[in-house]
Amino acid sequence: MDIAAIHRKINAVQWFHRFEIVPGIFTPGKQSTNAKESFSHFQIPQDLTGKEVLEIGTMDGPIAFEAEARGATVTALDIQDPSRTGFNVAKEILGANVTYIQGSVYDAAKLLRKNFDYVFFLGVFYHLKHPVMAFEEIAKLLKADGMLVFEGECLRFYCEDETGTKVENEHITELANSNIPLTMFYANTFKADDSNWFIPNFACLKGWLAAAGLEIERHSFNEVPESDPPLQRVSGVARRVAGLKVEHRVL
């Protein structure tokens, strides 16, 4: 495909991710994404030949396409219509074979009916009304030695009250670092990002994962207080707890 044709196709759809789709050409999304750097950060091998990879919340697909470029068989799951994001255009330009499933993470095990070596779940859990349910679905999809790669909003230094006003409180960081599991909850009122429902501290996030039979193996924080909106994120990898039987409480 020549350069002019690539530009025409890119400009015909709306993008969320900005990434280098072919050398020197970037998609015009607002979320800058470097998939190679992300894979390096999470210590994902360069060679994924023979591995099954799932990305949940793929949108335009930069992570999914990078996994395929490394040799993996890749499935992408999202509630979005791929013809209304950049996914189908990117797939065509790259000549990729990623399988796209349109559906919810809450139905993932039923929709996919297979197990994966890696599940990428980046920038999603805090947008969900039922994050523990989502993690339970993911746990069902992992192979015994499979890895969940996660990233998202985490309470570190910034929160708002119920009116969307920034809370000036010296104890916020103390709560963030506490081993007391707690989460902020916003019903479309979080002005920094009104699509956020939950902003857990790290102890709470660990508890959510433990409830699904997952254990965090390593993690790191990304904090930029001066950014607009303030950046407070956590990323890491988790694995299934061997031999653990998870009880699903129904009230």
C-alpha atoms as a PDB file:
ATOM      1  CA  MET A   1       0.000   0.000   0.000  1.00  0.00           C
ATOM      2  CA  ASP A   2       1.493   3.345  -1.005  1.00  0.00           C
ATOM      3  CA  ILE A   3       1.928   6.274   1.403  1.00  0.00           C
ATOM      4  CA  ALA A   4      -0.969   8.285  -0.040  1.00  0.00           C
ATOM      5  CA  ALA A   5      -3.343   5.335   0.317  1.00  0.00           C
ATOM      6  CA  ILE A   6      -2.234   4.782   3.920  1.00  0.00           C
ATOM      7  CA  HIS A   7      -2.918   8.426   4.755  1.00  0.00           C
ATOM      8  CA  ARG A   8      -6.359   8.260   3.104  1.00  0.00           C
ATOM      9  CA  LYS A   9      -7.329   5.197   5.091  1.00  0.00           C
ATOM     10  CA  ILE A  10      -6.009   6.612   8.368  1.00  0.00           C
ATOM     11  CA  ASN A  11      -7.927   9.856   7.884  1.00  0.00           C
ATOM     12  CA  ALA A  12     -11.189   8.027   7.149  1.00  0.00           C
ATOM     13  CA  VAL A  13     -11.738   6.849  10.748  1.00  0.00           C
ATOM     14  CA  GLN A  14     -11.487   8.195  14.276  1.00  0.00           C
ATOM     15  CA  TRP A  15      -8.538   7.030  16.393  1.00  0.00           C
ATOM     16  CA  PHE A  16      -7.992   6.867  20.145  1.00  0.00           C
ATOM     17  CA  HIS A  17      -4.372   5.680  20.056  1.00  0.00           C
ATOM     18  CA  ARG A  18      -1.534   7.601  18.485  1.00  0.00           C
ATOM     19  CA  PHE A  19       1.089   5.094  17.359  1.00  0.00           C
ATOM     20  CA  GLU A  20       3.554   4.522  14.546  1.00  0.00           C
ATOM     21  CA  ILE A  21       1.592   2.248  12.268  1.00  0.00           C
ATOM     22  CA  VAL A  22       4.313   2.055   9.625  1.00  0.00           C
ATOM     23  CA  PRO A  23       7.750   3.702   9.788  1.00  0.00           C
ATOM     24  CA  GLY A  24       7.320   7.468   9.851  1.00  0.00           C
ATOM     25  CA  ILE A  25       3.494   7.472   9.833  1.00  0.00           C
ATOM     26  CA  PHE A  26       1.524   7.955  13.067  1.00  0.00           C
ATOM     27  CA  THR A  27      -2.175   7.553  13.664  1.00  0.00           C
ATOM     28  CA  PRO A  28      -3.861  10.774  14.875  1.00  0.00           C
ATOM     29  CA  GLY A  29      -5.166   9.584  18.249  1.00  0.00           C
ATOM     30  CA  LYS A  30      -4.970  11.451  21.551  1.00  0.00           C
ATOM     31  CA  GLN A  31      -3.447   8.601  23.574  1.00  0.00           C
ATOM     32  CA  SER A  32       0.218   8.230  22.656  1.00  0.00           C
ATOM     33  CA  THR A  33       1.137   4.538  22.702  1.00  0.00           C
ATOM     34  CA  ASN A  34       4.491   2.873  22.092  1.00  0.00           C
ATOM     35  CA  ALA A  35       3.756  -0.835  22.160  1.00  0.00           C
ATOM     36  CA  LYS A  36       7.414  -1.859  22.001  1.00  0.00           C
ATOM     37  CA  GLU A  37       8.193   0.242  25.079  1.00  0.00           C
ATOM     38  CA  SER A  38       5.170  -1.209  26.880  1.00  0.00           C
ATOM     39  CA  PHE A  39       6.301  -4.771  26.163  1.00  0.00           C
ATOM     40  CA  SER A  40       9.774  -3.908  27.427  1.00  0.00           C
ATOM     41  CA  HIS A  41       8.321  -2.351  30.590  1.00  0.00           C
ATOM     42  CA  PHE A  42       6.306  -5.500  31.324  1.00  0.00           C
ATOM     43  CA  GLN A  43       9.279  -7.747  30.443  1.00  0.00           C
ATOM     44  CA  ILE A  44       7.395  -9.529  27.679  1.00  0.00           C
ATOM     45  CA  PRO A  45       9.696 -11.707  25.537  1.00  0.00           C
ATOM     46  CA  GLN A  46      10.650 -10.569  22.044  1.00  0.00           C
ATOM     47  CA  ASP A  47       9.722 -13.985  20.674  1.00  0.00           C
ATOM     48  CA  LEU A  48       6.127 -15.045  21.409  1.00  0.00           C
ATOM     49  CA  THR A  49       6.001 -17.814  18.834  1.00  0.00           C
ATOM     50  CA  GLY A  50       3.479 -20.449  19.885  1.00  0.00           C
ATOM     51  CA  LYS A  51       1.907 -18.231  22.549  1.00  0.00           C
ATOM     52  CA  GLU A  52      -1.786 -17.356  22.778  1.00  0.00           C
ATOM     53  CA  VAL A  53      -2.350 -13.677  23.596  1.00  0.00           C
ATOM     54  CA  LEU A  54      -5.569 -11.825  24.425  1.00  0.00           C
ATOM     55  CA  GLU A  55      -5.944  -8.060  24.648  1.00  0.00           C
ATOM     56  CA  ILE A  56      -9.082  -6.802  26.409  1.00  0.00           C
ATOM     57  CA  GLY A  57     -10.024  -3.212  25.564  1.00  0.00           C
ATOM     58  CA  THR A  58      -7.939  -3.128  22.409  1.00  0.00           C
ATOM     59  CA  MET A  59      -9.589  -0.102  20.691  1.00  0.00           C
ATOM     60  CA  ASP A  60      -7.249   0.576  17.723  1.00  0.00           C
ATOM     61  CA  GLY A  61      -5.081  -2.454  18.498  1.00  0.00           C
ATOM     62  CA  PRO A  62      -1.437  -1.297  18.872  1.00  0.00           C
ATOM     63  CA  ILE A  63      -0.753  -3.801  21.674  1.00  0.00           C
ATOM     64  CA  ALA A  64      -2.492  -6.656  19.853  1.00  0.00           C
ATOM     65  CA  PHE A  65      -0.603  -5.997  16.619  1.00  0.00           C
ATOM     66  CA  GLU A  66       2.730  -5.837  18.433  1.00  0.00           C
ATOM     67  CA  ALA A  67       2.024  -9.215  20.048  1.00  0.00           C
ATOM     68  CA  GLU A  68       1.295 -10.699  16.634  1.00  0.00           C
ATOM     69  CA  ALA A  69       4.469  -9.161  15.213  1.00  0.00           C
ATOM     70  CA  ARG A  70       6.348 -11.102  17.906  1.00  0.00           C
ATOM     71  CA  GLY A  71       4.886 -14.381  16.689  1.00  0.00           C
ATOM     72  CA  ALA A  72       1.849 -14.845  18.946  1.00  0.00           C
ATOM     73  CA  THR A  73      -1.625 -15.954  17.934  1.00  0.00           C
ATOM     74  CA  VAL A  74      -3.671 -12.962  19.055  1.00  0.00           C
ATOM     75  CA  THR A  75      -7.293 -12.312  19.962  1.00  0.00           C
ATOM     76  CA  ALA A  76      -8.600  -8.801  20.638  1.00  0.00           C
ATOM     77  CA  LEU A  77     -11.768  -8.190  22.669  1.00  0.00           C
ATOM     78  CA  ASP A  78     -13.629  -4.874  22.886  1.00  0.00           C
ATOM     79  CA  ILE A  79     -17.189  -3.597  23.084  1.00  0.00           C
ATOM     80  CA  GLN A  80     -16.435  -1.212  20.204  1.00  0.00           C
ATOM     81  CA  ASP A  81     -17.354  -1.899  16.594  1.00  0.00           C
ATOM     82  CA  PRO A  82     -13.896  -2.296  14.955  1.00  0.00           C
ATOM     83  CA  SER A  83     -15.116  -0.498  11.843  1.00  0.00           C
ATOM     84  CA  ARG A  84     -15.798   2.597  13.976  1.00  0.00           C
ATOM     85  CA  THR A  85     -12.331   2.673  15.541  1.00  0.00           C
ATOM     86  CA  GLY A  86      -9.000   2.417  13.773  1.00  0.00           C
ATOM     87  CA  PHE A  87      -8.724  -1.334  14.294  1.00  0.00           C
ATOM     88  CA  ASN A  88      -9.896  -2.587  10.903  1.00  0.00           C
ATOM     89  CA  VAL A  89      -7.883   0.069   9.069  1.00  0.00           C
ATOM     90  CA  ALA A  90      -4.746  -0.784  11.051  1.00  0.00           C
ATOM     91  CA  LYS A  91      -5.301  -4.494  10.438  1.00  0.00           C
ATOM     92  CA  GLU A  92      -5.548  -3.895   6.700  1.00  0.00           C
ATOM     93  CA  ILE A  93      -2.496  -1.628   6.545  1.00  0.00           C
ATOM     94  CA  LEU A  94      -0.392  -4.058   8.584  1.00  0.00           C
ATOM     95  CA  GLY A  95      -1.697  -7.177   6.835  1.00  0.00           C
ATOM     96  CA  ALA A  96      -2.416  -8.572  10.302  1.00  0.00           C
ATOM     97  CA  ASN A  97      -4.402 -11.671  11.283  1.00  0.00           C
ATOM     98  CA  VAL A  98      -5.547 -10.675  14.783  1.00  0.00           C
ATOM     99  CA  THR A  99      -8.994 -12.108  15.561  1.00  0.00           C
ATOM    100  CA  TYR A 100     -11.413  -9.433  16.811  1.00  0.00           C
ATOM    101  CA  ILE A 101     -14.292 -10.355  19.111  1.00  0.00           C
ATOM    102  CA  GLN A 102     -16.841  -7.631  19.830  1.00  0.00           C
ATOM    103  CA  GLY A 103     -18.151  -8.098  23.349  1.00  0.00           C
ATOM    104  CA  SER A 104     -17.815  -7.344  27.041  1.00  0.00           C
ATOM    105  CA  VAL A 105     -15.114  -8.501  29.433  1.00  0.00           C
ATOM    106  CA  TYR A 106     -17.949  -9.769  31.649  1.00  0.00           C
ATOM    107  CA  ASP A 107     -18.750 -12.361  28.955  1.00  0.00           C
ATOM    108  CA  ALA A 108     -15.147 -13.086  27.995  1.00  0.00           C
ATOM    109  CA  ALA A 109     -14.946 -16.729  29.088  1.00  0.00           C
ATOM    110  CA  LYS A 110     -18.203 -17.563  27.297  1.00  0.00           C
ATOM    111  CA  LEU A 111     -17.212 -15.691  24.134  1.00  0.00           C
ATOM    112  CA  LEU A 112     -13.675 -17.018  23.821  1.00  0.00           C
ATOM    113  CA  ARG A 113     -13.742 -20.591  25.174  1.00  0.00           C
ATOM    114  CA  LYS A 114      -9.956 -20.961  25.203  1.00  0.00           C
ATOM    115  CA  ASN A 115      -7.036 -20.199  27.495  1.00  0.00           C
ATOM    116  CA  PHE A 116      -4.202 -17.748  27.038  1.00  0.00           C
ATOM    117  CA  ASP A 117      -0.548 -17.380  27.955  1.00  0.00           C
ATOM    118  CA  TYR A 118      -0.899 -13.598  28.253  1.00  0.00           C
ATOM    119  CA  VAL A 119      -3.933 -11.394  28.832  1.00  0.00           C
ATOM    120  CA  PHE A 120      -3.367  -7.652  28.410  1.00  0.00           C
ATOM    121  CA  PHE A 121      -5.827  -5.525  30.381  1.00  0.00           C
ATOM    122  CA  LEU A 122      -4.549  -1.981  30.033  1.00  0.00           C
ATOM    123  CA  GLY A 123      -6.505   1.143  30.930  1.00  0.00           C
ATOM    124  CA  VAL A 124      -9.779  -0.678  31.605  1.00  0.00           C
ATOM    125  CA  PHE A 125     -10.543  -1.854  35.154  1.00  0.00           C
ATOM    126  CA  TYR A 126     -11.261   1.582  36.649  1.00  0.00           C
ATOM    127  CA  HIS A 127     -13.844   2.275  33.928  1.00  0.00           C
ATOM    128  CA  LEU A 128     -15.914  -0.742  35.017  1.00  0.00           C
ATOM    129  CA  LYS A 129     -18.825  -0.886  37.447  1.00  0.00           C
ATOM    130  CA  HIS A 130     -17.875  -4.472  38.319  1.00  0.00           C
ATOM    131  CA  PRO A 131     -14.067  -4.752  38.325  1.00  0.00           C
ATOM    132  CA  VAL A 132     -13.915  -7.884  40.485  1.00  0.00           C
ATOM    133  CA  MET A 133     -16.268  -9.682  38.092  1.00  0.00           C
ATOM    134  CA  ALA A 134     -13.964  -8.673  35.237  1.00  0.00           C
ATOM    135  CA  PHE A 135     -10.897 -10.053  37.002  1.00  0.00           C
ATOM    136  CA  GLU A 136     -12.776 -13.293  37.693  1.00  0.00           C
ATOM    137  CA  GLU A 137     -13.509 -13.670  33.979  1.00  0.00           C
ATOM    138  CA  ILE A 138      -9.854 -13.042  33.169  1.00  0.00           C
ATOM    139  CA  ALA A 139      -8.723 -15.665  35.690  1.00  0.00           C
ATOM    140  CA  LYS A 140     -10.887 -18.234  33.872  1.00  0.00           C
ATOM    141  CA  LEU A 141      -9.072 -17.421  30.631  1.00  0.00           C
ATOM    142  CA  LEU A 142      -5.498 -17.811  31.870  1.00  0.00           C
ATOM    143  CA  LYS A 143      -3.500 -20.978  31.424  1.00  0.00           C
ATOM    144  CA  ALA A 144      -2.079 -22.457  34.622  1.00  0.00           C
ATOM    145  CA  ASP A 145       1.146 -20.487  34.106  1.00  0.00           C
ATOM    146  CA  GLY A 146      -0.549 -17.598  32.283  1.00  0.00           C
ATOM    147  CA  MET A 147       0.141 -13.950  32.998  1.00  0.00           C
ATOM    148  CA  LEU A 148      -2.233 -11.000  33.409  1.00  0.00           C
ATOM    149  CA  VAL A 149      -0.649  -7.733  32.283  1.00  0.00           C
ATOM    150  CA  PHE A 150      -2.569  -4.831  33.837  1.00  0.00           C
ATOM    151  CA  GLU A 151      -2.457  -1.036  34.007  1.00  0.00           C
ATOM    152  CA  GLY A 152      -4.807   1.617  35.292  1.00  0.00           C
ATOM    153  CA  GLU A 153      -5.780   4.427  37.628  1.00  0.00           C
ATOM    154  CA  CYS A 154      -4.624   4.009  41.226  1.00  0.00           C
ATOM    155  CA  LEU A 155      -4.976   6.314  44.227  1.00  0.00           C
ATOM    156  CA  ARG A 156      -1.566   7.867  44.856  1.00  0.00           C
ATOM    157  CA  PHE A 157      -1.999  11.561  45.667  1.00  0.00           C
ATOM    158  CA  TYR A 158      -5.159  12.937  44.038  1.00  0.00           C
ATOM    159  CA  CYS A 159      -8.859  12.564  44.725  1.00  0.00           C
ATOM    160  CA  GLU A 160     -12.044  14.616  44.498  1.00  0.00           C
ATOM    161  CA  ASP A 161     -15.098  14.936  46.694  1.00  0.00           C
ATOM    162  CA  GLU A 162     -18.598  14.052  45.502  1.00  0.00           C
ATOM    163  CA  THR A 163     -18.969  17.435  43.805  1.00  0.00           C
ATOM    164  CA  GLY A 164     -15.843  16.948  41.690  1.00  0.00           C
ATOM    165  CA  THR A 165     -13.738  19.348  43.769  1.00  0.00           C
ATOM    166  CA  LYS A 166     -10.102  18.468  44.358  1.00  0.00           C
ATOM    167  CA  VAL A 167      -9.499  17.374  47.940  1.00  0.00           C
ATOM    168  CA  GLU A 168      -6.630  19.186  49.639  1.00  0.00           C
ATOM    169  CA  ASN A 169      -5.729  16.763  52.406  1.00  0.00           C
ATOM    170  CA  GLU A 170      -2.296  15.823  53.705  1.00  0.00           C
ATOM    171  CA  HIS A 171      -3.505  12.299  54.468  1.00  0.00           C
ATOM    172  CA  ILE A 172      -4.331  11.286  50.856  1.00  0.00           C
ATOM    173  CA  THR A 173      -0.835   9.920  50.220  1.00  0.00           C
ATOM    174  CA  GLU A 174      -0.943   8.153  53.568  1.00  0.00           C
ATOM    175  CA  LEU A 175      -4.196   6.445  52.563  1.00  0.00           C
ATOM    176  CA  ALA A 176      -2.752   5.577  49.173  1.00  0.00           C
ATOM    177  CA  ASN A 177       0.190   3.785  50.759  1.00  0.00           C
ATOM    178  CA  SER A 178      -1.835   2.214  53.554  1.00  0.00           C
ATOM    179  CA  ASN A 179      -2.420  -1.527  53.785  1.00  0.00           C
ATOM    180  CA  ILE A 180      -6.058  -0.674  54.486  1.00  0.00           C
ATOM    181  CA  PRO A 181      -7.859  -1.583  51.226  1.00  0.00           C
ATOM    182  CA  LEU A 182     -10.092   1.249  50.049  1.00  0.00           C
ATOM    183  CA  THR A 183     -11.311   2.780  46.829  1.00  0.00           C
ATOM    184  CA  MET A 184     -12.700   6.089  45.654  1.00  0.00           C
ATOM    185  CA  PHE A 185     -16.036   5.754  43.852  1.00  0.00           C
ATOM    186  CA  TYR A 186     -17.476   8.290  41.432  1.00  0.00           C
ATOM    187  CA  ALA A 187     -20.833   8.110  39.651  1.00  0.00           C
ATOM    188  CA  ASN A 188     -19.860  10.162  36.590  1.00  0.00           C
ATOM    189  CA  THR A 189     -18.631  12.962  38.854  1.00  0.00           C
ATOM    190  CA  PHE A 190     -14.836  12.608  38.662  1.00  0.00           C
ATOM    191  CA  LYS A 191     -13.877  15.761  36.769  1.00  0.00           C
ATOM    192  CA  ALA A 192     -10.358  14.578  35.954  1.00  0.00           C
ATOM    193  CA  ASP A 193     -12.014  11.806  33.885  1.00  0.00           C
ATOM    194  CA  ASP A 194     -15.772  11.324  34.134  1.00  0.00           C
ATOM    195  CA  SER A 195     -15.507   7.795  32.704  1.00  0.00           C
ATOM    196  CA  ASN A 196     -13.803   6.604  35.921  1.00  0.00           C
ATOM    197  CA  TRP A 197     -15.971   4.685  38.388  1.00  0.00           C
ATOM    198  CA  PHE A 198     -13.361   3.391  40.833  1.00  0.00           C
ATOM    199  CA  ILE A 199      -9.917   4.597  41.882  1.00  0.00           C
ATOM    200  CA  PRO A 200      -8.533   1.969  44.284  1.00  0.00           C
ATOM    201  CA  ASN A 201      -5.449   2.241  46.420  1.00  0.00           C
ATOM    202  CA  PHE A 202      -2.922  -0.507  45.800  1.00  0.00           C
ATOM    203  CA  ALA A 203      -4.071  -2.607  48.761  1.00  0.00           C
ATOM    204  CA  CYS A 204      -7.596  -2.607  47.343  1.00  0.00           C
ATOM    205  CA  LEU A 205      -6.418  -3.551  43.859  1.00  0.00           C
ATOM    206  CA  LYS A 206      -4.463  -6.463  45.337  1.00  0.00           C
ATOM    207  CA  GLY A 207      -7.651  -7.539  47.114  1.00  0.00           C
ATOM    208  CA  TRP A 208      -9.699  -7.396  43.919  1.00  0.00           C
ATOM    209  CA  LEU A 209      -7.167  -9.616  42.182  1.00  0.00           C
ATOM    210  CA  ALA A 210      -6.936 -11.996  45.146  1.00  0.00           C
ATOM    211  CA  ALA A 211     -10.732 -12.360  45.095  1.00  0.00           C
ATOM    212  CA  ALA A 212     -10.374 -13.601  41.523  1.00  0.00           C
ATOM    213  CA  GLY A 213      -7.560 -16.018  42.388  1.00  0.00           C
ATOM    214  CA  LEU A 214      -4.762 -13.807  41.051  1.00  0.00           C
ATOM    215  CA  GLU A 215      -1.587 -12.633  42.755  1.00  0.00           C
ATOM    216  CA  ILE A 216       0.494  -9.621  41.742  1.00  0.00           C
ATOM    217  CA  GLU A 217       4.027 -10.668  40.897  1.00  0.00           C
ATOM    218  CA  ARG A 218       5.524  -7.225  40.263  1.00  0.00           C
ATOM    219  CA  HIS A 219       4.255  -3.689  39.850  1.00  0.00           C
ATOM    220  CA  SER A 220       5.296  -0.051  39.513  1.00  0.00           C
ATOM    221  CA  PHE A 221       3.656   3.353  39.855  1.00  0.00           C
ATOM    222  CA  ASN A 222       3.630   6.227  37.385  1.00  0.00           C
ATOM    223  CA  GLU A 223       2.935   9.557  39.112  1.00  0.00           C
ATOM    224  CA  VAL A 224       2.942  13.007  37.488  1.00  0.00           C
ATOM    225  CA  PRO A 225       1.211  15.484  39.855  1.00  0.00           C
ATOM    226  CA  GLU A 226       1.783  18.461  37.560  1.00  0.00           C
ATOM    227  CA  SER A 227       0.056  16.908  34.547  1.00  0.00           C
ATOM    228  CA  ASP A 228      -3.495  17.870  33.567  1.00  0.00           C
ATOM    229  CA  PRO A 229      -5.335  15.798  34.598  1.00  0.00           C
ATOM    230  CA  PRO A 230      -2.984  14.529  37.349  1.00  0.00           C
ATOM    231  CA  LEU A 231      -1.413  11.201  36.425  1.00  0.00           C
ATOM    232  CA  GLN A 232      -1.574   8.436  39.038  1.00  0.00           C
ATOM    233  CA  ARG A 233      -1.278   4.963  37.572  1.00  0.00           C
ATOM    234  CA  VAL A 234      -0.196   1.469  38.489  1.00  0.00           C
ATOM    235  CA  SER A 235       1.041  -1.231  36.135  1.00  0.00           C
ATOM    236  CA  GLY A 236       2.208  -4.768  36.678  1.00  0.00           C
ATOM    237  CA  VAL A 237       1.768  -8.458  36.079  1.00  0.00           C
ATOM    238  CA  ALA A 238      -0.208 -11.057  38.015  1.00  0.00           C
ATOM    239  CA  ARG A 239      -0.549 -14.818  37.858  1.00  0.00           C
ATOM    240  CA  ARG A 240      -3.113 -17.369  38.924  1.00  0.00           C
ATOM    241  CA  VAL A 241      -2.571 -18.685  42.438  1.00  0.00           C
ATOM    242  CA  ALA A 242      -1.744 -22.375  42.013  1.00  0.00           C
ATOM    243  CA  GLY A 243      -4.357 -24.714  43.449  1.00  0.00           C
ATOM    244  CA  LEU A 244      -6.509 -21.922  44.859  1.00  0.00           C
ATOM    245  CA  LYS A 245     -10.264 -22.484  44.778  1.00  0.00           C
ATOM    246  CA  VAL A 246     -12.004 -19.121  44.564  1.00  0.00           C
ATOM    247  CA  GLU A 247     -15.362 -18.786  46.292  1.00  0.00           C
ATOM    248  CA  HIS A 248     -17.894 -16.614  44.476  1.00  0.00           C
ATOM    249  CA  ARG A 249     -20.165 -15.144  47.127  1.00  0.00           C
ATOM    250  CA  VAL A 250     -23.774 -14.670  46.130  1.00  0.00           C
ATOM    251  CA  LEU A 251     -26.029 -12.673  48.431  1.00  0.00           C
END
